[in-house]
Amino acid sequence: MSYDPNTAKSDTDPWREDLPVCRVYSHSPRFRQQLEGYVGHVIRFTTAREKEPREGLIVDCTVSAEIVRTARGHFPAHPIVAVINDSDPARVIDVLARGVDGVISMN
């Protein structure tokens, strides 16, 4: 069987032009400011009362991963991305073991 790119169907992504929407769960205004500078060009942040389509939750785990449990309690339907200070394998495993869907390292 051969592949003909002229007859292949295009799988269009209806969200391609829209940035992902994320809510930030942190007790630190400085964290949000840093985060916006770090990924603000690829994520749209929200503080809306209602959950938006494809909305995720970015959780500040730079001090402790314990906050994941609290965040999950407040936002049970959101996919969670943990933000950690560095990419130390033990730290990454710790937050993943707490059930987050992804990890961002600030370094």
PDB file of N, CA and C in Angstrom:
ATOM      1  N   MET A   1       0.844  -1.159   0.000  1.00  0.00           N
ATOM      2  CA  MET A   1       0.000   0.000   0.000  1.00  0.00           C
ATOM      3  C   MET A   1       0.897   1.231   0.000  1.00  0.00           C
ATOM      4  N   SER A   2       0.596   2.174  -0.873  1.00  0.00           N
ATOM      5  CA  SER A   2       1.394   3.394  -0.935  1.00  0.00           C
ATOM      6  C   SER A   2       0.607   4.571  -0.373  1.00  0.00           C
ATOM      7  N   TYR A   3       1.336   5.563   0.047  1.00  0.00           N
ATOM      8  CA  TYR A   3       0.734   6.764   0.632  1.00  0.00           C
ATOM      9  C   TYR A   3       0.735   7.870  -0.404  1.00  0.00           C
ATOM     10  N   ASP A   4      -0.435   8.424  -0.675  1.00  0.00           N
ATOM     11  CA  ASP A   4      -0.557   9.537  -1.616  1.00  0.00           C
ATOM     12  C   ASP A   4      -1.002  10.774  -0.833  1.00  0.00           C
ATOM     13  N   PRO A   5      -0.118  11.761  -0.654  1.00  0.00           N
ATOM     14  CA  PRO A   5      -0.475  12.937   0.134  1.00  0.00           C
ATOM     15  C   PRO A   5      -1.596  13.755  -0.492  1.00  0.00           C
ATOM     16  N   ASN A   6      -1.821  13.602  -1.790  1.00  0.00           N
ATOM     17  CA  ASN A   6      -2.889  14.358  -2.453  1.00  0.00           C
ATOM     18  C   ASN A   6      -4.278  13.832  -2.117  1.00  0.00           C
ATOM     19  N   THR A   7      -4.351  12.557  -1.742  1.00  0.00           N
ATOM     20  CA  THR A   7      -5.656  11.989  -1.414  1.00  0.00           C
ATOM     21  C   THR A   7      -5.867  11.822   0.087  1.00  0.00           C
ATOM     22  N   ALA A   8      -4.836  12.092   0.882  1.00  0.00           N
ATOM     23  CA  ALA A   8      -4.961  11.955   2.336  1.00  0.00           C
ATOM     24  C   ALA A   8      -5.864  13.056   2.879  1.00  0.00           C
ATOM     25  N   LYS A   9      -6.710  12.676   3.810  1.00  0.00           N
ATOM     26  CA  LYS A   9      -7.591  13.662   4.442  1.00  0.00           C
ATOM     27  C   LYS A   9      -6.778  14.522   5.405  1.00  0.00           C
ATOM     28  N   SER A  10      -7.164  15.765   5.454  1.00  0.00           N
ATOM     29  CA  SER A  10      -6.519  16.682   6.379  1.00  0.00           C
ATOM     30  C   SER A  10      -7.220  16.609   7.729  1.00  0.00           C
ATOM     31  N   ASP A  11      -6.474  16.278   8.761  1.00  0.00           N
ATOM     32  CA  ASP A  11      -7.016  16.289  10.114  1.00  0.00           C
ATOM     33  C   ASP A  11      -6.839  17.697  10.664  1.00  0.00           C
ATOM     34  N   THR A  12      -7.895  18.470  10.599  1.00  0.00           N
ATOM     35  CA  THR A  12      -7.777  19.845  11.058  1.00  0.00           C
ATOM     36  C   THR A  12      -8.061  19.927  12.549  1.00  0.00           C
ATOM     37  N   ASP A  13      -7.286  20.739  13.203  1.00  0.00           N
ATOM     38  CA  ASP A  13      -7.438  20.975  14.631  1.00  0.00           C
ATOM     39  C   ASP A  13      -8.278  22.232  14.795  1.00  0.00           C
ATOM     40  N   PRO A  14      -9.501  22.107  15.329  1.00  0.00           N
ATOM     41  CA  PRO A  14     -10.349  23.287  15.466  1.00  0.00           C
ATOM     42  C   PRO A  14      -9.792  24.294  16.469  1.00  0.00           C
ATOM     43  N   TRP A  15      -8.842  23.894  17.297  1.00  0.00           N
ATOM     44  CA  TRP A  15      -8.268  24.771  18.311  1.00  0.00           C
ATOM     45  C   TRP A  15      -6.921  25.356  17.879  1.00  0.00           C
ATOM     46  N   ARG A  16      -6.481  25.060  16.673  1.00  0.00           N
ATOM     47  CA  ARG A  16      -5.147  25.456  16.219  1.00  0.00           C
ATOM     48  C   ARG A  16      -4.869  26.941  16.396  1.00  0.00           C
ATOM     49  N   GLU A  17      -5.848  27.773  16.152  1.00  0.00           N
ATOM     50  CA  GLU A  17      -5.649  29.219  16.224  1.00  0.00           C
ATOM     51  C   GLU A  17      -5.863  29.774  17.629  1.00  0.00           C
ATOM     52  N   ASP A  18      -6.399  28.982  18.551  1.00  0.00           N
ATOM     53  CA  ASP A  18      -6.671  29.444  19.907  1.00  0.00           C
ATOM     54  C   ASP A  18      -5.600  28.953  20.871  1.00  0.00           C
ATOM     55  N   LEU A  19      -5.086  29.873  21.685  1.00  0.00           N
ATOM     56  CA  LEU A  19      -4.128  29.468  22.704  1.00  0.00           C
ATOM     57  C   LEU A  19      -4.838  28.649  23.775  1.00  0.00           C
ATOM     58  N   PRO A  20      -4.146  27.694  24.374  1.00  0.00           N
ATOM     59  CA  PRO A  20      -4.743  26.971  25.503  1.00  0.00           C
ATOM     60  C   PRO A  20      -5.056  27.951  26.632  1.00  0.00           C
ATOM     61  N   VAL A  21      -6.088  27.657  27.376  1.00  0.00           N
ATOM     62  CA  VAL A  21      -6.517  28.516  28.485  1.00  0.00           C
ATOM     63  C   VAL A  21      -6.111  27.846  29.789  1.00  0.00           C
ATOM     64  N   CYS A  22      -5.475  28.607  30.666  1.00  0.00           N
ATOM     65  CA  CYS A  22      -5.055  28.060  31.950  1.00  0.00           C
ATOM     66  C   CYS A  22      -5.411  28.998  33.088  1.00  0.00           C
ATOM     67  N   ARG A  23      -5.777  28.377  34.170  1.00  0.00           N
ATOM     68  CA  ARG A  23      -6.015  29.064  35.438  1.00  0.00           C
ATOM     69  C   ARG A  23      -4.788  28.789  36.292  1.00  0.00           C
ATOM     70  N   VAL A  24      -4.358  29.773  37.069  1.00  0.00           N
ATOM     71  CA  VAL A  24      -3.175  29.608  37.909  1.00  0.00           C
ATOM     72  C   VAL A  24      -3.609  29.413  39.351  1.00  0.00           C
ATOM     73  N   TYR A  25      -3.069  28.375  39.993  1.00  0.00           N
ATOM     74  CA  TYR A  25      -3.353  28.114  41.399  1.00  0.00           C
ATOM     75  C   TYR A  25      -2.060  28.331  42.166  1.00  0.00           C
ATOM     76  N   SER A  26      -1.978  29.501  42.798  1.00  0.00           N
ATOM     77  CA  SER A  26      -0.791  29.858  43.557  1.00  0.00           C
ATOM     78  C   SER A  26      -1.169  30.917  44.576  1.00  0.00           C
ATOM     79  N   HIS A  27      -0.439  30.953  45.659  1.00  0.00           N
ATOM     80  CA  HIS A  27      -0.643  31.980  46.674  1.00  0.00           C
ATOM     81  C   HIS A  27       0.316  33.144  46.474  1.00  0.00           C
ATOM     82  N   SER A  28       1.103  33.106  45.419  1.00  0.00           N
ATOM     83  CA  SER A  28       2.136  34.104  45.193  1.00  0.00           C
ATOM     84  C   SER A  28       1.873  34.921  43.926  1.00  0.00           C
ATOM     85  N   PRO A  29       1.637  36.227  44.068  1.00  0.00           N
ATOM     86  CA  PRO A  29       1.499  37.074  42.870  1.00  0.00           C
ATOM     87  C   PRO A  29       2.780  37.077  42.031  1.00  0.00           C
ATOM     88  N   ARG A  30       3.924  36.954  42.701  1.00  0.00           N
ATOM     89  CA  ARG A  30       5.209  36.923  41.981  1.00  0.00           C
ATOM     90  C   ARG A  30       5.294  35.696  41.067  1.00  0.00           C
ATOM     91  N   PHE A  31       4.779  34.559  41.537  1.00  0.00           N
ATOM     92  CA  PHE A  31       4.788  33.344  40.727  1.00  0.00           C
ATOM     93  C   PHE A  31       4.014  33.565  39.438  1.00  0.00           C
ATOM     94  N   ARG A  32       2.815  34.128  39.553  1.00  0.00           N
ATOM     95  CA  ARG A  32       2.011  34.362  38.350  1.00  0.00           C
ATOM     96  C   ARG A  32       2.731  35.295  37.387  1.00  0.00           C
ATOM     97  N   GLN A  33       3.361  36.323  37.908  1.00  0.00           N
ATOM     98  CA  GLN A  33       4.097  37.256  37.065  1.00  0.00           C
ATOM     99  C   GLN A  33       5.240  36.543  36.339  1.00  0.00           C
ATOM    100  N   GLN A  34       5.980  35.715  37.062  1.00  0.00           N
ATOM    101  CA  GLN A  34       7.062  34.940  36.445  1.00  0.00           C
ATOM    102  C   GLN A  34       6.510  34.004  35.376  1.00  0.00           C
ATOM    103  N   LEU A  35       5.409  33.334  35.691  1.00  0.00           N
ATOM    104  CA  LEU A  35       4.807  32.381  34.771  1.00  0.00           C
ATOM    105  C   LEU A  35       4.351  33.068  33.488  1.00  0.00           C
ATOM    106  N   GLU A  36       3.722  34.219  33.626  1.00  0.00           N
ATOM    107  CA  GLU A  36       3.276  34.959  32.446  1.00  0.00           C
ATOM    108  C   GLU A  36       4.455  35.344  31.568  1.00  0.00           C
ATOM    109  N   GLY A  37       5.584  35.718  32.191  1.00  0.00           N
ATOM    110  CA  GLY A  37       6.772  36.042  31.413  1.00  0.00           C
ATOM    111  C   GLY A  37       7.383  34.828  30.740  1.00  0.00           C
ATOM    112  N   TYR A  38       7.228  33.672  31.367  1.00  0.00           N
ATOM    113  CA  TYR A  38       7.839  32.431  30.880  1.00  0.00           C
ATOM    114  C   TYR A  38       7.018  31.762  29.772  1.00  0.00           C
ATOM    115  N   VAL A  39       5.700  31.663  29.947  1.00  0.00           N
ATOM    116  CA  VAL A  39       4.866  30.956  28.968  1.00  0.00           C
ATOM    117  C   VAL A  39       3.668  31.785  28.472  1.00  0.00           C
ATOM    118  N   GLY A  40       3.636  33.058  28.804  1.00  0.00           N
ATOM    119  CA  GLY A  40       2.496  33.896  28.427  1.00  0.00           C
ATOM    120  C   GLY A  40       2.270  34.029  26.931  1.00  0.00           C
ATOM    121  N   HIS A  41       3.265  33.757  26.121  1.00  0.00           N
ATOM    122  CA  HIS A  41       3.119  33.842  24.668  1.00  0.00           C
ATOM    123  C   HIS A  41       2.474  32.587  24.065  1.00  0.00           C
ATOM    124  N   VAL A  42       2.358  31.520  24.859  1.00  0.00           N
ATOM    125  CA  VAL A  42       1.770  30.283  24.338  1.00  0.00           C
ATOM    126  C   VAL A  42       0.543  29.824  25.130  1.00  0.00           C
ATOM    127  N   ILE A  43       0.186  30.560  26.177  1.00  0.00           N
ATOM    128  CA  ILE A  43      -0.965  30.225  27.018  1.00  0.00           C
ATOM    129  C   ILE A  43      -1.760  31.497  27.285  1.00  0.00           C
ATOM    130  N   ARG A  44      -3.069  31.375  27.272  1.00  0.00           N
ATOM    131  CA  ARG A  44      -3.921  32.489  27.691  1.00  0.00           C
ATOM    132  C   ARG A  44      -4.378  32.197  29.104  1.00  0.00           C
ATOM    133  N   PHE A  45      -4.105  33.117  30.023  1.00  0.00           N
ATOM    134  CA  PHE A  45      -4.487  32.938  31.420  1.00  0.00           C
ATOM    135  C   PHE A  45      -5.891  33.470  31.652  1.00  0.00           C
ATOM    136  N   THR A  46      -6.620  32.836  32.572  1.00  0.00           N
ATOM    137  CA  THR A  46      -7.985  33.256  32.861  1.00  0.00           C
ATOM    138  C   THR A  46      -8.224  33.338  34.365  1.00  0.00           C
ATOM    139  N   THR A  47      -9.163  34.194  34.707  1.00  0.00           N
ATOM    140  CA  THR A  47      -9.669  34.267  36.081  1.00  0.00           C
ATOM    141  C   THR A  47     -11.193  34.236  36.049  1.00  0.00           C
ATOM    142  N   ALA A  48     -11.749  33.841  34.906  1.00  0.00           N
ATOM    143  CA  ALA A  48     -13.209  33.798  34.737  1.00  0.00           C
ATOM    144  C   ALA A  48     -13.843  32.854  35.756  1.00  0.00           C
ATOM    145  N   ARG A  49     -15.074  33.139  36.114  1.00  0.00           N
ATOM    146  CA  ARG A  49     -15.780  32.291  37.079  1.00  0.00           C
ATOM    147  C   ARG A  49     -16.114  30.917  36.494  1.00  0.00           C
ATOM    148  N   GLU A  50     -16.488  30.886  35.236  1.00  0.00           N
ATOM    149  CA  GLU A  50     -16.879  29.636  34.576  1.00  0.00           C
ATOM    150  C   GLU A  50     -15.673  28.999  33.887  1.00  0.00           C
ATOM    151  N   LYS A  51     -15.646  27.676  33.897  1.00  0.00           N
ATOM    152  CA  LYS A  51     -14.584  26.938  33.216  1.00  0.00           C
ATOM    153  C   LYS A  51     -14.736  27.097  31.710  1.00  0.00           C
ATOM    154  N   GLU A  52     -13.652  27.393  31.056  1.00  0.00           N
ATOM    155  CA  GLU A  52     -13.650  27.542  29.608  1.00  0.00           C
ATOM    156  C   GLU A  52     -13.302  26.203  28.952  1.00  0.00           C
ATOM    157  N   PRO A  53     -13.649  26.042  27.672  1.00  0.00           N
ATOM    158  CA  PRO A  53     -13.268  24.807  26.978  1.00  0.00           C
ATOM    159  C   PRO A  53     -11.748  24.646  26.986  1.00  0.00           C
ATOM    160  N   ARG A  54     -11.294  23.431  27.173  1.00  0.00           N
ATOM    161  CA  ARG A  54      -9.861  23.102  27.175  1.00  0.00           C
ATOM    162  C   ARG A  54      -9.084  23.816  28.264  1.00  0.00           C
ATOM    163  N   GLU A  55      -9.724  24.203  29.338  1.00  0.00           N
ATOM    164  CA  GLU A  55      -9.022  24.932  30.395  1.00  0.00           C
ATOM    165  C   GLU A  55      -8.247  23.979  31.299  1.00  0.00           C
ATOM    166  N   GLY A  56      -7.001  24.322  31.533  1.00  0.00           N
ATOM    167  CA  GLY A  56      -6.169  23.563  32.446  1.00  0.00           C
ATOM    168  C   GLY A  56      -5.857  24.385  33.681  1.00  0.00           C
ATOM    169  N   LEU A  57      -5.210  23.752  34.629  1.00  0.00           N
ATOM    170  CA  LEU A  57      -4.837  24.399  35.877  1.00  0.00           C
ATOM    171  C   LEU A  57      -3.335  24.274  36.055  1.00  0.00           C
ATOM    172  N   ILE A  58      -2.681  25.411  36.209  1.00  0.00           N
ATOM    173  CA  ILE A  58      -1.244  25.420  36.463  1.00  0.00           C
ATOM    174  C   ILE A  58      -1.054  25.634  37.953  1.00  0.00           C
ATOM    175  N   VAL A  59      -0.380  24.688  38.599  1.00  0.00           N
ATOM    176  CA  VAL A  59      -0.233  24.708  40.054  1.00  0.00           C
ATOM    177  C   VAL A  59       1.217  25.007  40.432  1.00  0.00           C
ATOM    178  N   ASP A  60       1.380  25.940  41.340  1.00  0.00           N
ATOM    179  CA  ASP A  60       2.683  26.351  41.829  1.00  0.00           C
ATOM    180  C   ASP A  60       3.215  25.318  42.820  1.00  0.00           C
ATOM    181  N   CYS A  61       4.106  24.460  42.340  1.00  0.00           N
ATOM    182  CA  CYS A  61       4.731  23.453  43.200  1.00  0.00           C
ATOM    183  C   CYS A  61       6.196  23.808  43.459  1.00  0.00           C
ATOM    184  N   THR A  62       6.529  25.098  43.340  1.00  0.00           N
ATOM    185  CA  THR A  62       7.915  25.508  43.534  1.00  0.00           C
ATOM    186  C   THR A  62       8.343  25.409  44.988  1.00  0.00           C
ATOM    187  N   VAL A  63       7.410  25.523  45.922  1.00  0.00           N
ATOM    188  CA  VAL A  63       7.738  25.399  47.338  1.00  0.00           C
ATOM    189  C   VAL A  63       7.457  23.987  47.826  1.00  0.00           C
ATOM    190  N   SER A  64       6.281  23.445  47.461  1.00  0.00           N
ATOM    191  CA  SER A  64       5.894  22.116  47.918  1.00  0.00           C
ATOM    192  C   SER A  64       4.901  21.499  46.940  1.00  0.00           C
ATOM    193  N   ALA A  65       4.992  20.190  46.780  1.00  0.00           N
ATOM    194  CA  ALA A  65       4.042  19.479  45.925  1.00  0.00           C
ATOM    195  C   ALA A  65       2.743  19.171  46.659  1.00  0.00           C
ATOM    196  N   GLU A  66       2.695  19.429  47.950  1.00  0.00           N
ATOM    197  CA  GLU A  66       1.479  19.189  48.744  1.00  0.00           C
ATOM    198  C   GLU A  66       0.285  19.980  48.218  1.00  0.00           C
ATOM    199  N   ILE A  67       0.540  21.100  47.565  1.00  0.00           N
ATOM    200  CA  ILE A  67      -0.534  21.957  47.074  1.00  0.00           C
ATOM    201  C   ILE A  67      -1.371  21.269  45.993  1.00  0.00           C
ATOM    202  N   VAL A  68      -0.835  20.223  45.377  1.00  0.00           N
ATOM    203  CA  VAL A  68      -1.574  19.504  44.332  1.00  0.00           C
ATOM    204  C   VAL A  68      -2.881  18.946  44.879  1.00  0.00           C
ATOM    205  N   ARG A  69      -2.855  18.388  46.073  1.00  0.00           N
ATOM    206  CA  ARG A  69      -4.071  17.817  46.671  1.00  0.00           C
ATOM    207  C   ARG A  69      -5.145  18.899  46.861  1.00  0.00           C
ATOM    208  N   THR A  70      -4.752  20.049  47.361  1.00  0.00           N
ATOM    209  CA  THR A  70      -5.693  21.152  47.567  1.00  0.00           C
ATOM    210  C   THR A  70      -6.242  21.644  46.230  1.00  0.00           C
ATOM    211  N   ALA A  71      -5.363  21.792  45.248  1.00  0.00           N
ATOM    212  CA  ALA A  71      -5.787  22.247  43.927  1.00  0.00           C
ATOM    213  C   ALA A  71      -6.780  21.275  43.304  1.00  0.00           C
ATOM    214  N   ARG A  72      -6.504  19.976  43.425  1.00  0.00           N
ATOM    215  CA  ARG A  72      -7.406  18.950  42.869  1.00  0.00           C
ATOM    216  C   ARG A  72      -8.768  19.018  43.549  1.00  0.00           C
ATOM    217  N   GLY A  73      -8.792  19.315  44.841  1.00  0.00           N
ATOM    218  CA  GLY A  73     -10.061  19.453  45.557  1.00  0.00           C
ATOM    219  C   GLY A  73     -10.890  20.626  45.070  1.00  0.00           C
ATOM    220  N   HIS A  74     -10.229  21.728  44.733  1.00  0.00           N
ATOM    221  CA  HIS A  74     -10.935  22.915  44.249  1.00  0.00           C
ATOM    222  C   HIS A  74     -11.308  22.816  42.769  1.00  0.00           C
ATOM    223  N   PHE A  75     -10.511  22.099  42.001  1.00  0.00           N
ATOM    224  CA  PHE A  75     -10.711  22.014  40.551  1.00  0.00           C
ATOM    225  C   PHE A  75     -10.636  20.554  40.090  1.00  0.00           C
ATOM    226  N   PRO A  76     -11.620  19.734  40.461  1.00  0.00           N
ATOM    227  CA  PRO A  76     -11.541  18.296  40.178  1.00  0.00           C
ATOM    228  C   PRO A  76     -11.605  17.923  38.697  1.00  0.00           C
ATOM    229  N   ALA A  77     -12.177  18.780  37.868  1.00  0.00           N
ATOM    230  CA  ALA A  77     -12.340  18.440  36.452  1.00  0.00           C
ATOM    231  C   ALA A  77     -11.238  18.998  35.559  1.00  0.00           C
ATOM    232  N   HIS A  78     -10.299  19.705  36.129  1.00  0.00           N
ATOM    233  CA  HIS A  78      -9.233  20.330  35.336  1.00  0.00           C
ATOM    234  C   HIS A  78      -8.022  19.406  35.202  1.00  0.00           C
ATOM    235  N   PRO A  79      -7.426  19.349  34.012  1.00  0.00           N
ATOM    236  CA  PRO A  79      -6.104  18.736  33.921  1.00  0.00           C
ATOM    237  C   PRO A  79      -5.131  19.655  34.658  1.00  0.00           C
ATOM    238  N   ILE A  80      -4.181  19.077  35.366  1.00  0.00           N
ATOM    239  CA  ILE A  80      -3.250  19.865  36.189  1.00  0.00           C
ATOM    240  C   ILE A  80      -1.829  19.742  35.659  1.00  0.00           C
ATOM    241  N   VAL A  81      -1.178  20.902  35.542  1.00  0.00           N
ATOM    242  CA  VAL A  81       0.237  20.969  35.201  1.00  0.00           C
ATOM    243  C   VAL A  81       0.953  21.576  36.401  1.00  0.00           C
ATOM    244  N   ALA A  82       1.935  20.865  36.932  1.00  0.00           N
ATOM    245  CA  ALA A  82       2.708  21.340  38.074  1.00  0.00           C
ATOM    246  C   ALA A  82       3.920  22.119  37.578  1.00  0.00           C
ATOM    247  N   VAL A  83       4.198  23.233  38.234  1.00  0.00           N
ATOM    248  CA  VAL A  83       5.400  24.004  37.928  1.00  0.00           C
ATOM    249  C   VAL A  83       6.373  23.809  39.083  1.00  0.00           C
ATOM    250  N   ILE A  84       7.582  23.351  38.729  1.00  0.00           N
ATOM    251  CA  ILE A  84       8.619  23.109  39.733  1.00  0.00           C
ATOM    252  C   ILE A  84       9.830  23.985  39.415  1.00  0.00           C
ATOM    253  N   ASN A  85      10.720  24.148  40.414  1.00  0.00           N
ATOM    254  CA  ASN A  85      11.893  25.014  40.235  1.00  0.00           C
ATOM    255  C   ASN A  85      12.908  24.458  39.253  1.00  0.00           C
ATOM    256  N   ASP A  86      13.172  23.171  39.350  1.00  0.00           N
ATOM    257  CA  ASP A  86      14.197  22.576  38.493  1.00  0.00           C
ATOM    258  C   ASP A  86      13.749  21.198  38.036  1.00  0.00           C
ATOM    259  N   SER A  87      14.497  20.635  37.137  1.00  0.00           N
ATOM    260  CA  SER A  87      14.091  19.354  36.551  1.00  0.00           C
ATOM    261  C   SER A  87      14.748  18.157  37.242  1.00  0.00           C
ATOM    262  N   ASP A  88      14.954  18.262  38.539  1.00  0.00           N
ATOM    263  CA  ASP A  88      15.482  17.152  39.323  1.00  0.00           C
ATOM    264  C   ASP A  88      14.542  15.954  39.163  1.00  0.00           C
ATOM    265  N   PRO A  89      15.050  14.793  38.734  1.00  0.00           N
ATOM    266  CA  PRO A  89      14.185  13.635  38.492  1.00  0.00           C
ATOM    267  C   PRO A  89      13.314  13.248  39.691  1.00  0.00           C
ATOM    268  N   ALA A  90      13.855  13.334  40.899  1.00  0.00           N
ATOM    269  CA  ALA A  90      13.065  12.984  42.084  1.00  0.00           C
ATOM    270  C   ALA A  90      11.883  13.941  42.248  1.00  0.00           C
ATOM    271  N   ARG A  91      12.100  15.196  41.971  1.00  0.00           N
ATOM    272  CA  ARG A  91      11.024  16.207  42.072  1.00  0.00           C
ATOM    273  C   ARG A  91       9.954  15.962  41.009  1.00  0.00           C
ATOM    274  N   VAL A  92      10.379  15.659  39.793  1.00  0.00           N
ATOM    275  CA  VAL A  92       9.437  15.362  38.711  1.00  0.00           C
ATOM    276  C   VAL A  92       8.600  14.141  39.072  1.00  0.00           C
ATOM    277  N   ILE A  93       9.236  13.087  39.551  1.00  0.00           N
ATOM    278  CA  ILE A  93       8.519  11.862  39.938  1.00  0.00           C
ATOM    279  C   ILE A  93       7.546  12.146  41.074  1.00  0.00           C
ATOM    280  N   ASP A  94       7.954  12.980  42.021  1.00  0.00           N
ATOM    281  CA  ASP A  94       7.089  13.317  43.150  1.00  0.00           C
ATOM    282  C   ASP A  94       5.789  13.965  42.680  1.00  0.00           C
ATOM    283  N   VAL A  95       5.882  14.959  41.813  1.00  0.00           N
ATOM    284  CA  VAL A  95       4.646  15.626  41.378  1.00  0.00           C
ATOM    285  C   VAL A  95       3.818  14.726  40.470  1.00  0.00           C
ATOM    286  N   LEU A  96       4.469  13.938  39.639  1.00  0.00           N
ATOM    287  CA  LEU A  96       3.713  13.010  38.786  1.00  0.00           C
ATOM    288  C   LEU A  96       2.997  11.963  39.629  1.00  0.00           C
ATOM    289  N   ALA A  97       3.622  11.510  40.693  1.00  0.00           N
ATOM    290  CA  ALA A  97       3.002  10.520  41.585  1.00  0.00           C
ATOM    291  C   ALA A  97       1.771  11.088  42.287  1.00  0.00           C
ATOM    292  N   ARG A  98       1.672  12.392  42.359  1.00  0.00           N
ATOM    293  CA  ARG A  98       0.517  13.033  42.986  1.00  0.00           C
ATOM    294  C   ARG A  98      -0.638  13.224  42.008  1.00  0.00           C
ATOM    295  N   GLY A  99      -0.461  12.742  40.779  1.00  0.00           N
ATOM    296  CA  GLY A  99      -1.562  12.730  39.829  1.00  0.00           C
ATOM    297  C   GLY A  99      -1.650  13.894  38.875  1.00  0.00           C
ATOM    298  N   VAL A 100      -0.590  14.672  38.736  1.00  0.00           N
ATOM    299  CA  VAL A 100      -0.639  15.767  37.771  1.00  0.00           C
ATOM    300  C   VAL A 100      -0.542  15.212  36.358  1.00  0.00           C
ATOM    301  N   ASP A 101      -0.980  16.011  35.409  1.00  0.00           N
ATOM    302  CA  ASP A 101      -0.994  15.569  34.013  1.00  0.00           C
ATOM    303  C   ASP A 101       0.258  15.996  33.254  1.00  0.00           C
ATOM    304  N   GLY A 102       1.003  16.936  33.835  1.00  0.00           N
ATOM    305  CA  GLY A 102       2.210  17.409  33.185  1.00  0.00           C
ATOM    306  C   GLY A 102       3.052  18.212  34.156  1.00  0.00           C
ATOM    307  N   VAL A 103       4.292  18.494  33.741  1.00  0.00           N
ATOM    308  CA  VAL A 103       5.224  19.224  34.588  1.00  0.00           C
ATOM    309  C   VAL A 103       5.936  20.264  33.734  1.00  0.00           C
ATOM    310  N   ILE A 104       6.083  21.465  34.292  1.00  0.00           N
ATOM    311  CA  ILE A 104       6.907  22.518  33.686  1.00  0.00           C
ATOM    312  C   ILE A 104       8.019  22.824  34.678  1.00  0.00           C
ATOM    313  N   SER A 105       9.262  22.797  34.211  1.00  0.00           N
ATOM    314  CA  SER A 105      10.395  23.169  35.038  1.00  0.00           C
ATOM    315  C   SER A 105      10.757  24.614  34.727  1.00  0.00           C
ATOM    316  N   MET A 106      10.963  25.420  35.762  1.00  0.00           N
ATOM    317  CA  MET A 106      11.275  26.839  35.551  1.00  0.00           C
ATOM    318  C   MET A 106      12.693  27.062  35.065  1.00  0.00           C
ATOM    319  N   ASN A 107      13.515  26.013  34.992  1.00  0.00           N
ATOM    320  CA  ASN A 107      14.860  26.247  34.461  1.00  0.00           C
ATOM    321  C   ASN A 107      14.931  25.693  33.087  1.00  0.00           C
TER     322      ASN A 107
END
